[in-house]
Amino acid sequence: MKITDVRVRIVKKDDSKLKGVASVTFDDCFVIHDIKIIEGNEGFFIAMPSRKTGDGEYKDIAHPINTETREELIKVILSAFEQEKAKPQE
């Protein structure tokens, strides 16, 4: 499965750790929306879409099942995020 498109929307809230939201398309036929780009103590990371369970915990509803895929997803999303941040502000 190949990543065929990545779209990032920058979140402009100075007091929030949430810095962007991404949508990733695979093989031009399957998309995952609402992948969060978060600024942590050691840099940016992604959080997959999740749902709150009855006991108050959050569970991912879509996520990679191996390290190689997770690392590729992180790389392409954060790269697209940096490109989007570099664009002139409207």
Protein backbone atom coordinates (compact mmCIF):
# COMPACT_ATOMS: atom_id res chain seq x y z
CA MET A 1 0.00 0.00 0.00
CA LYS A 2 1.39 3.38 -1.01
CA ILE A 3 0.67 6.82 0.38
CA THR A 4 -0.60 8.79 -2.61
CA ASP A 5 -1.67 12.09 -1.01
CA VAL A 6 -1.14 13.98 2.24
CA ARG A 7 -3.06 17.14 3.10
CA VAL A 8 -2.35 19.22 6.18
CA ARG A 9 -4.39 22.00 7.71
CA ILE A 10 -2.50 24.26 10.11
CA VAL A 11 -4.25 24.98 13.42
CA LYS A 12 -3.63 28.58 14.50
CA LYS A 13 -4.16 28.57 18.25
CA ASP A 14 -1.13 29.89 20.12
CA ASP A 15 -2.10 28.30 23.43
CA SER A 16 -2.71 24.81 21.99
CA LYS A 17 -0.34 21.88 21.54
CA LEU A 18 -2.41 20.86 18.50
CA LYS A 19 -0.59 22.42 15.52
CA GLY A 20 -2.21 20.72 12.55
CA VAL A 21 -4.59 18.08 11.24
CA ALA A 22 -3.73 15.73 8.38
CA SER A 23 -5.59 13.52 5.93
CA VAL A 24 -3.66 10.70 4.26
CA THR A 25 -4.77 8.87 1.12
CA PHE A 26 -3.55 5.35 0.32
CA ASP A 27 -3.48 3.97 -3.25
CA ASP A 28 -5.80 6.77 -4.41
CA CYS A 29 -8.70 4.84 -2.91
CA PHE A 30 -8.67 4.94 0.92
CA VAL A 31 -8.33 7.98 3.19
CA ILE A 32 -7.80 8.53 6.91
CA HIS A 33 -8.84 11.96 8.21
CA ASP A 34 -8.18 13.73 11.52
CA ILE A 35 -4.60 12.65 12.19
CA LYS A 36 -3.45 15.22 14.73
CA ILE A 37 -0.04 16.91 14.64
CA ILE A 38 0.93 17.76 18.19
CA GLU A 39 3.86 19.69 19.62
CA GLY A 40 5.38 17.79 22.52
CA ASN A 41 8.37 18.40 24.77
CA GLU A 42 10.68 16.61 22.31
CA GLY A 43 9.24 17.94 19.05
CA PHE A 44 6.27 17.18 16.87
CA PHE A 45 4.45 13.84 16.79
CA ILE A 46 1.24 12.49 15.31
CA ALA A 47 -1.83 11.07 17.02
CA MET A 48 -4.14 8.80 15.07
CA PRO A 49 -7.93 9.36 15.05
CA SER A 50 -9.46 8.10 18.28
CA ARG A 51 -12.73 7.64 20.10
CA LYS A 52 -13.47 8.06 23.80
CA THR A 53 -14.56 4.81 25.44
CA GLY A 54 -17.18 4.45 28.17
CA ASP A 55 -14.53 4.47 30.89
CA GLY A 56 -13.02 7.76 29.65
CA GLU A 57 -9.99 6.35 27.83
CA TYR A 58 -9.20 7.08 24.20
CA LYS A 59 -8.70 4.24 21.70
CA ASP A 60 -7.31 4.68 18.19
CA ILE A 61 -9.92 3.81 15.57
CA ALA A 62 -7.35 3.57 12.75
CA HIS A 63 -3.63 2.98 13.15
CA PRO A 64 -0.59 1.28 11.57
CA ILE A 65 0.08 -2.23 12.83
CA ASN A 66 3.83 -2.30 12.25
CA THR A 67 6.75 0.00 12.99
CA GLU A 68 7.78 0.46 9.35
CA THR A 69 4.37 1.78 8.34
CA ARG A 70 4.13 4.02 11.42
CA GLU A 71 7.55 5.54 10.72
CA GLU A 72 6.67 6.18 7.06
CA LEU A 73 3.40 7.83 8.08
CA ILE A 74 5.16 10.07 10.61
CA LYS A 75 7.79 11.04 8.05
CA VAL A 76 5.37 12.02 5.27
CA ILE A 77 2.90 13.81 7.56
CA LEU A 78 5.54 15.88 9.36
CA SER A 79 7.21 16.69 6.03
CA ALA A 80 3.89 17.93 4.61
CA PHE A 81 3.31 19.88 7.84
CA GLU A 82 6.68 21.66 7.49
CA GLN A 83 5.93 22.46 3.83
CA GLU A 84 2.53 23.88 4.77
CA LYS A 85 4.04 26.00 7.56
CA ALA A 86 6.62 27.39 5.09
CA LYS A 87 3.92 28.72 2.76
CA PRO A 88 3.22 32.46 2.94
CA GLN A 89 0.42 33.28 5.36
CA GLU A 90 -2.82 34.44 3.75
